[in-house]
Amino acid sequence: MTSSEGLSSAVHTVAVLILDRVLTFDLGIPLLVFNALPDEYQVVLCTPEPGVVPTYEGFSLNISDGLDAATRADTLIVPGYDLDRPLPQAALRALRRARAEGTRLVSICTGAFALAEAGLLDGLTATTHWREAERLAERYRAVTVDRDVLYVDEGQILTSAGASAGVDLCLHLVGRDHGAAVANSVARLAVAAPHRTGGQSQYIERSVPHTSGQSLAATREWALHNTAGPLSVRRLADHASLSERTFARHFVEETGMPPLQWLLTARIDLAKHLLETGDHGVDEVARRVGLGTAANLRLRFRRATGTSPSSYRRTFTRR
């Protein structure tokens, strides 16, 4: 198998495990993302009993590959499925075997229940669709369930929240494997945001908060074009013509995170792009993204990515 941290030149096999009454939206996400890079990834569909598999939406799929394809894969993805259907023991054994062999395991939406049933999430933090998060936590007490995030990366095992959060997670995987620039190119093809800020707490049903009716999108866009300068909450609020308190409240309502946390994420994303696509020194990158000094960039970058700017550049610069 190839490494999941900066892939080798070999094609990386992504197997998608099709369970009974699979959610076809979830199934389509890895096909969309990984098939956009045919020189890097090969996607195969597999199921416990090859043949006709019913989908949650009412039509059927004809899947020719069995579980051998799952255990041969470099990455194994479990899309959401009907939780009222029992899981085949053969599928659970295949998941456990894949974990033991070092396969990267990924769930989309309620696919996390299959990983949990196989015992693979014990002692880890995981997520799923917010409507099913409480059921996941109650059924599998050894799993720490985070209902607010879009996805959780635990290294070998990754889980995503509902539906379109699978796009965020698959793009994250491409970024892990090939860097932010490649992930961004796939995001453009998919007409998706390369990195969505906030979490699924933005989408949980709740009473509609009172707002001024003014979107802060223009201020966020302005901030992205002015990262090199000093950007405080007060300056952002002034651009939006709001008080700091009102601006901060509306910002969290729209993005799911405080303004300065969002800004730091944007600066780290820009630093990744500059490190991949240019030959600027770390001092220059720090200045361009508004983090001041190379020391500050290294500190913030390592906290966000787990590696140094120099190591990131060596891994992901595409020559």
Protein backbone atom coordinates (compact mmCIF):
# COMPACT_ATOMS: atom_id res chain seq x y z
CA MET A 1 0.00 0.00 0.00
CA THR A 2 1.06 3.57 -0.57
CA SER A 3 1.43 5.99 2.30
CA SER A 4 -1.52 8.28 3.04
CA GLU A 5 0.80 11.16 3.93
CA GLY A 6 2.19 12.41 0.64
CA LEU A 7 1.49 9.60 -1.82
CA SER A 8 4.08 7.85 -3.92
CA SER A 9 3.88 7.79 -7.70
CA ALA A 10 1.77 4.60 -7.61
CA VAL A 11 -1.95 4.97 -8.18
CA HIS A 12 -3.79 5.03 -4.88
CA THR A 13 -6.80 2.69 -4.77
CA VAL A 14 -9.95 4.02 -3.13
CA ALA A 15 -12.57 1.36 -2.42
CA VAL A 16 -16.12 2.45 -1.62
CA LEU A 17 -18.04 -0.08 0.48
CA ILE A 18 -21.65 -0.26 -0.67
CA LEU A 19 -23.96 -1.41 2.13
CA ASP A 20 -27.65 -2.27 1.86
CA ARG A 21 -29.77 0.82 1.05
CA VAL A 22 -26.73 3.02 0.56
CA LEU A 23 -27.31 6.79 0.40
CA THR A 24 -26.46 7.58 -3.20
CA PHE A 25 -25.58 11.22 -2.53
CA ASP A 26 -22.88 10.03 -0.14
CA LEU A 27 -21.75 7.41 -2.67
CA GLY A 28 -21.37 10.02 -5.38
CA ILE A 29 -19.01 12.22 -3.36
CA PRO A 30 -15.85 10.06 -3.51
CA LEU A 31 -16.58 9.29 -7.17
CA LEU A 32 -16.72 13.00 -7.93
CA VAL A 33 -13.62 13.98 -5.97
CA PHE A 34 -11.20 11.12 -6.62
CA ASN A 35 -12.16 10.47 -10.24
CA ALA A 36 -11.12 14.07 -10.91
CA LEU A 37 -7.52 12.85 -10.48
CA PRO A 38 -7.36 9.65 -12.55
CA ASP A 39 -3.55 9.64 -12.60
CA GLU A 40 -3.48 9.62 -8.80
CA TYR A 41 -6.51 7.59 -7.72
CA GLN A 42 -8.42 4.52 -8.89
CA VAL A 43 -11.93 4.17 -7.45
CA VAL A 44 -13.64 0.78 -7.12
CA LEU A 45 -17.07 -0.11 -5.70
CA CYS A 46 -17.45 -3.22 -3.57
CA THR A 47 -20.16 -4.88 -1.50
CA PRO A 48 -20.46 -7.92 0.81
CA GLU A 49 -22.51 -9.89 -1.73
CA PRO A 50 -21.77 -8.83 -5.34
CA GLY A 51 -24.82 -8.31 -7.47
CA VAL A 52 -27.87 -6.07 -7.16
CA VAL A 53 -27.81 -3.74 -4.14
CA PRO A 54 -30.85 -1.57 -3.32
CA THR A 55 -30.30 2.12 -2.57
CA TYR A 56 -32.06 4.25 -0.01
CA GLU A 57 -33.57 6.30 -2.83
CA GLY A 58 -35.39 3.31 -4.34
CA PHE A 59 -33.32 2.20 -7.33
CA SER A 60 -30.68 -0.52 -7.45
CA LEU A 61 -26.99 -0.76 -8.25
CA ASN A 62 -25.21 -3.71 -9.81
CA ILE A 63 -21.88 -4.10 -7.98
CA SER A 64 -19.46 -6.68 -9.32
CA ASP A 65 -16.64 -6.54 -6.73
CA GLY A 66 -16.78 -8.21 -3.33
CA LEU A 67 -14.96 -7.53 -0.09
CA ASP A 68 -11.57 -8.61 -1.46
CA ALA A 69 -11.45 -5.20 -3.16
CA ALA A 70 -11.97 -3.54 0.24
CA THR A 71 -9.03 -5.32 1.83
CA ARG A 72 -6.75 -4.56 -1.14
CA ALA A 73 -7.46 -0.82 -1.10
CA ASP A 74 -5.26 1.98 0.19
CA THR A 75 -8.32 3.93 1.34
CA LEU A 76 -11.69 2.39 2.20
CA ILE A 77 -14.72 4.69 2.32
CA VAL A 78 -18.08 3.81 3.88
CA PRO A 79 -20.93 6.05 2.67
CA GLY A 80 -24.11 6.46 4.69
CA TYR A 81 -26.68 3.67 4.70
CA ASP A 82 -30.03 2.73 6.25
CA LEU A 83 -29.33 2.29 9.95
CA ASP A 84 -32.36 0.04 10.39
CA ARG A 85 -30.66 -2.67 8.32
CA PRO A 86 -28.30 -5.08 10.12
CA LEU A 87 -24.68 -5.02 9.03
CA PRO A 88 -23.24 -8.19 7.49
CA GLN A 89 -20.62 -9.78 9.69
CA ALA A 90 -18.43 -10.20 6.62
CA ALA A 91 -18.39 -6.41 6.16
CA LEU A 92 -17.40 -5.88 9.79
CA ARG A 93 -14.60 -8.43 9.47
CA ALA A 94 -13.37 -6.70 6.31
CA LEU A 95 -13.30 -3.34 8.10
CA ARG A 96 -11.31 -4.80 11.00
CA ARG A 97 -8.89 -6.47 8.63
CA ALA A 98 -8.42 -3.24 6.69
CA ARG A 99 -7.63 -1.39 9.93
CA ALA A 100 -5.08 -4.04 10.92
CA GLU A 101 -3.38 -3.82 7.52
CA GLY A 102 -3.01 -0.04 7.69
CA THR A 103 -5.75 0.91 5.24
CA ARG A 104 -7.03 4.46 5.62
CA LEU A 105 -10.67 4.21 6.74
CA VAL A 106 -13.18 6.95 6.01
CA SER A 107 -16.88 7.34 6.70
CA ILE A 108 -19.38 9.74 5.19
CA CYS A 109 -22.50 10.64 7.15
CA THR A 110 -24.00 7.55 8.85
CA GLY A 111 -21.18 5.39 7.53
CA ALA A 112 -19.60 6.12 10.94
CA PHE A 113 -22.01 3.58 12.47
CA ALA A 114 -20.35 0.79 10.48
CA LEU A 115 -16.90 1.80 11.73
CA ALA A 116 -18.24 2.02 15.27
CA GLU A 117 -19.98 -1.37 15.03
CA ALA A 118 -16.68 -2.89 13.95
CA GLY A 119 -15.09 -1.40 17.09
CA LEU A 120 -12.79 0.84 15.08
CA LEU A 121 -13.87 4.12 16.68
CA ASP A 122 -13.38 3.02 20.29
CA GLY A 123 -11.28 5.58 22.12
CA LEU A 124 -11.44 8.02 19.21
CA THR A 125 -13.38 11.17 18.42
CA ALA A 126 -15.80 10.86 15.51
CA THR A 127 -18.71 12.66 13.90
CA THR A 128 -21.78 11.88 11.84
CA HIS A 129 -24.91 13.70 10.66
CA TRP A 130 -26.10 15.91 13.52
CA ARG A 131 -29.51 14.18 13.56
CA GLU A 132 -27.85 10.83 14.31
CA ALA A 133 -25.06 12.07 16.60
CA GLU A 134 -26.95 11.34 19.81
CA ARG A 135 -27.79 7.82 18.62
CA LEU A 136 -24.12 7.19 17.78
CA ALA A 137 -23.05 8.40 21.22
CA GLU A 138 -25.66 6.33 23.05
CA ARG A 139 -25.06 3.16 21.07
CA TYR A 140 -21.25 3.29 21.21
CA ARG A 141 -20.19 4.63 24.59
CA ALA A 142 -16.46 4.20 23.89
CA VAL A 143 -16.66 6.76 21.07
CA THR A 144 -16.41 10.52 21.70
CA VAL A 145 -18.94 12.07 19.33
CA ASP A 146 -18.45 15.66 18.16
CA ARG A 147 -21.73 16.78 16.61
CA ASP A 148 -20.51 20.27 15.66
CA VAL A 149 -17.65 19.65 13.21
CA LEU A 150 -17.71 18.91 9.48
CA TYR A 151 -15.19 16.10 9.84
CA VAL A 152 -12.71 14.53 12.25
CA ASP A 153 -9.23 13.41 11.20
CA GLU A 154 -7.81 10.83 13.61
CA GLY A 155 -4.97 9.86 11.27
CA GLN A 156 -5.81 6.43 9.90
CA ILE A 157 -9.54 6.85 10.58
CA LEU A 158 -11.56 9.85 9.44
CA THR A 159 -15.28 10.55 9.79
CA SER A 160 -17.48 13.24 8.27
CA ALA A 161 -20.78 14.80 9.16
CA GLY A 162 -23.86 14.56 6.98
CA ALA A 163 -24.07 14.61 3.21
CA SER A 164 -22.05 17.49 1.74
CA ALA A 165 -19.57 17.38 4.62
CA GLY A 166 -18.26 14.32 2.80
CA VAL A 167 -17.05 16.71 0.10
CA ASP A 168 -15.08 18.63 2.72
CA LEU A 169 -13.53 15.42 4.01
CA CYS A 170 -12.63 14.03 0.58
CA LEU A 171 -11.02 17.34 -0.39
CA HIS A 172 -9.14 17.21 2.91
CA LEU A 173 -7.84 13.77 1.94
CA VAL A 174 -6.65 15.08 -1.42
CA GLY A 175 -4.94 17.92 0.43
CA ARG A 176 -3.24 15.46 2.78
CA ASP A 177 -2.06 13.38 -0.14
CA HIS A 178 -1.10 16.05 -2.69
CA GLY A 179 -1.28 19.48 -1.04
CA ALA A 180 -3.67 22.39 -0.97
CA ALA A 181 -3.13 23.51 -4.57
CA VAL A 182 -4.28 20.15 -5.97
CA ALA A 183 -7.21 20.02 -3.56
CA ASN A 184 -8.20 23.52 -4.63
CA SER A 185 -8.15 22.50 -8.30
CA VAL A 186 -10.47 19.57 -7.55
CA ALA A 187 -12.74 21.87 -5.54
CA ARG A 188 -13.04 24.19 -8.52
CA LEU A 189 -14.04 21.27 -10.75
CA ALA A 190 -16.65 20.24 -8.18
CA VAL A 191 -17.79 23.87 -7.77
CA ALA A 192 -17.17 23.47 -4.04
CA ALA A 193 -15.41 25.53 -1.40
CA PRO A 194 -11.83 24.28 -0.94
CA HIS A 195 -12.22 24.76 2.80
CA ARG A 196 -15.44 25.60 4.60
CA THR A 197 -15.04 27.37 7.90
CA GLY A 198 -17.18 26.46 10.86
CA GLY A 199 -18.92 23.19 11.48
CA GLN A 200 -22.26 21.49 11.02
CA SER A 201 -23.60 23.38 14.03
CA GLN A 202 -24.46 26.04 11.44
CA TYR A 203 -27.03 23.66 9.93
CA ILE A 204 -28.73 22.22 13.02
CA GLU A 205 -32.41 23.08 13.19
CA ARG A 206 -32.98 25.83 15.73
CA SER A 207 -34.97 29.01 16.06
CA VAL A 208 -33.82 31.65 13.60
CA PRO A 209 -31.67 34.25 15.40
CA HIS A 210 -32.49 37.91 15.05
CA THR A 211 -30.05 39.55 12.64
CA SER A 212 -29.77 42.86 10.89
CA GLY A 213 -30.36 41.16 7.53
CA GLN A 214 -26.86 42.22 6.49
CA SER A 215 -24.56 39.53 5.16
CA LEU A 216 -20.88 39.72 6.10
CA ALA A 217 -19.75 37.97 2.90
CA ALA A 218 -18.38 41.21 1.45
CA THR A 219 -16.31 41.83 4.58
CA ARG A 220 -14.93 38.30 4.54
CA GLU A 221 -13.99 38.72 0.87
CA TRP A 222 -12.31 42.04 1.65
CA ALA A 223 -10.39 40.43 4.51
CA LEU A 224 -9.13 37.65 2.23
CA HIS A 225 -7.64 40.28 -0.08
CA ASN A 226 -6.03 42.17 2.79
CA THR A 227 -4.49 39.44 4.93
CA ALA A 228 -1.06 41.07 4.86
CA GLY A 229 -2.31 44.03 6.85
CA PRO A 230 -3.33 44.28 10.51
CA LEU A 231 -6.89 42.95 10.73
CA SER A 232 -8.55 43.28 14.11
CA VAL A 233 -12.19 42.62 14.97
CA ARG A 234 -12.64 46.36 15.21
CA ARG A 235 -11.30 46.94 11.70
CA LEU A 236 -13.49 44.16 10.29
CA ALA A 237 -16.50 45.57 12.12
CA ASP A 238 -15.76 49.05 10.75
CA HIS A 239 -15.70 47.64 7.22
CA ALA A 240 -19.11 46.06 7.84
CA SER A 241 -20.39 49.29 9.45
CA LEU A 242 -21.33 47.45 12.64
CA SER A 243 -20.33 47.65 16.28
CA GLU A 244 -17.71 45.10 17.35
CA ARG A 245 -20.21 43.21 19.49
CA THR A 246 -22.86 43.02 16.79
CA PHE A 247 -20.30 42.11 14.15
CA ALA A 248 -18.84 39.29 16.24
CA ARG A 249 -22.29 37.85 16.95
CA HIS A 250 -23.36 37.94 13.29
CA PHE A 251 -19.99 36.52 12.19
CA VAL A 252 -20.39 33.44 14.37
CA GLU A 253 -23.98 33.02 13.16
CA GLU A 254 -22.80 33.01 9.53
CA THR A 255 -19.55 31.02 9.78
CA GLY A 256 -19.74 28.99 12.99
CA MET A 257 -16.50 30.45 14.39
CA PRO A 258 -15.20 33.73 15.86
CA PRO A 259 -13.70 36.28 13.43
CA LEU A 260 -10.06 35.90 14.50
CA GLN A 261 -10.22 32.10 14.35
CA TRP A 262 -11.65 32.33 10.83
CA LEU A 263 -8.93 34.81 9.87
CA LEU A 264 -6.14 32.58 11.18
CA THR A 265 -7.51 29.65 9.17
CA ALA A 266 -7.58 31.81 6.05
CA ARG A 267 -3.97 32.91 6.64
CA ILE A 268 -2.77 29.33 7.07
CA ASP A 269 -4.56 28.33 3.85
CA LEU A 270 -2.86 31.18 2.00
CA ALA A 271 0.50 30.17 3.48
CA LYS A 272 0.01 26.62 2.16
CA HIS A 273 -0.68 27.99 -1.31
CA LEU A 274 2.38 30.23 -1.28
CA LEU A 275 4.62 27.43 -0.02
CA GLU A 276 3.42 25.07 -2.74
CA THR A 277 3.42 27.41 -5.69
CA GLY A 278 6.30 29.85 -5.07
CA ASP A 279 9.86 30.03 -3.84
CA HIS A 280 9.34 32.78 -1.25
CA GLY A 281 11.27 32.42 1.99
CA VAL A 282 9.40 31.72 5.20
CA ASP A 283 9.88 35.34 6.31
CA GLU A 284 8.25 36.59 3.10
CA VAL A 285 5.38 34.12 3.39
CA ALA A 286 4.79 35.23 6.98
CA ARG A 287 4.65 38.86 5.86
CA ARG A 288 2.30 38.16 2.96
CA VAL A 289 -0.20 36.26 5.06
CA GLY A 290 -0.15 38.73 7.92
CA LEU A 291 1.55 36.60 10.56
CA GLY A 292 4.48 38.98 10.93
CA THR A 293 7.52 36.87 11.62
CA ALA A 294 8.82 33.52 10.49
CA ALA A 295 8.75 32.32 14.10
CA ASN A 296 5.06 33.18 14.43
CA LEU A 297 4.26 31.48 11.12
CA ARG A 298 6.13 28.34 12.15
CA LEU A 299 4.27 28.22 15.47
CA ARG A 300 0.81 28.77 13.96
CA PHE A 301 1.48 26.54 10.96
CA ARG A 302 2.63 23.59 13.09
CA ARG A 303 -0.39 23.92 15.37
CA ALA A 304 -2.71 23.88 12.36
CA THR A 305 -1.04 21.22 10.22
CA GLY A 306 1.25 19.21 12.48
CA THR A 307 4.31 20.03 10.41
CA SER A 308 6.64 22.94 9.67
CA PRO A 309 6.36 25.25 6.65
CA SER A 310 9.64 23.89 5.25
CA SER A 311 8.53 20.26 5.58
CA TYR A 312 5.19 21.11 4.02
CA ARG A 313 6.93 22.72 1.05
CA ARG A 314 9.23 19.72 0.54
CA THR A 315 6.27 17.33 0.62
CA PHE A 316 3.81 19.19 -1.59
CA THR A 317 5.75 21.37 -4.03
CA ARG A 318 4.91 19.99 -7.49
CA ARG A 319 7.83 20.51 -9.83
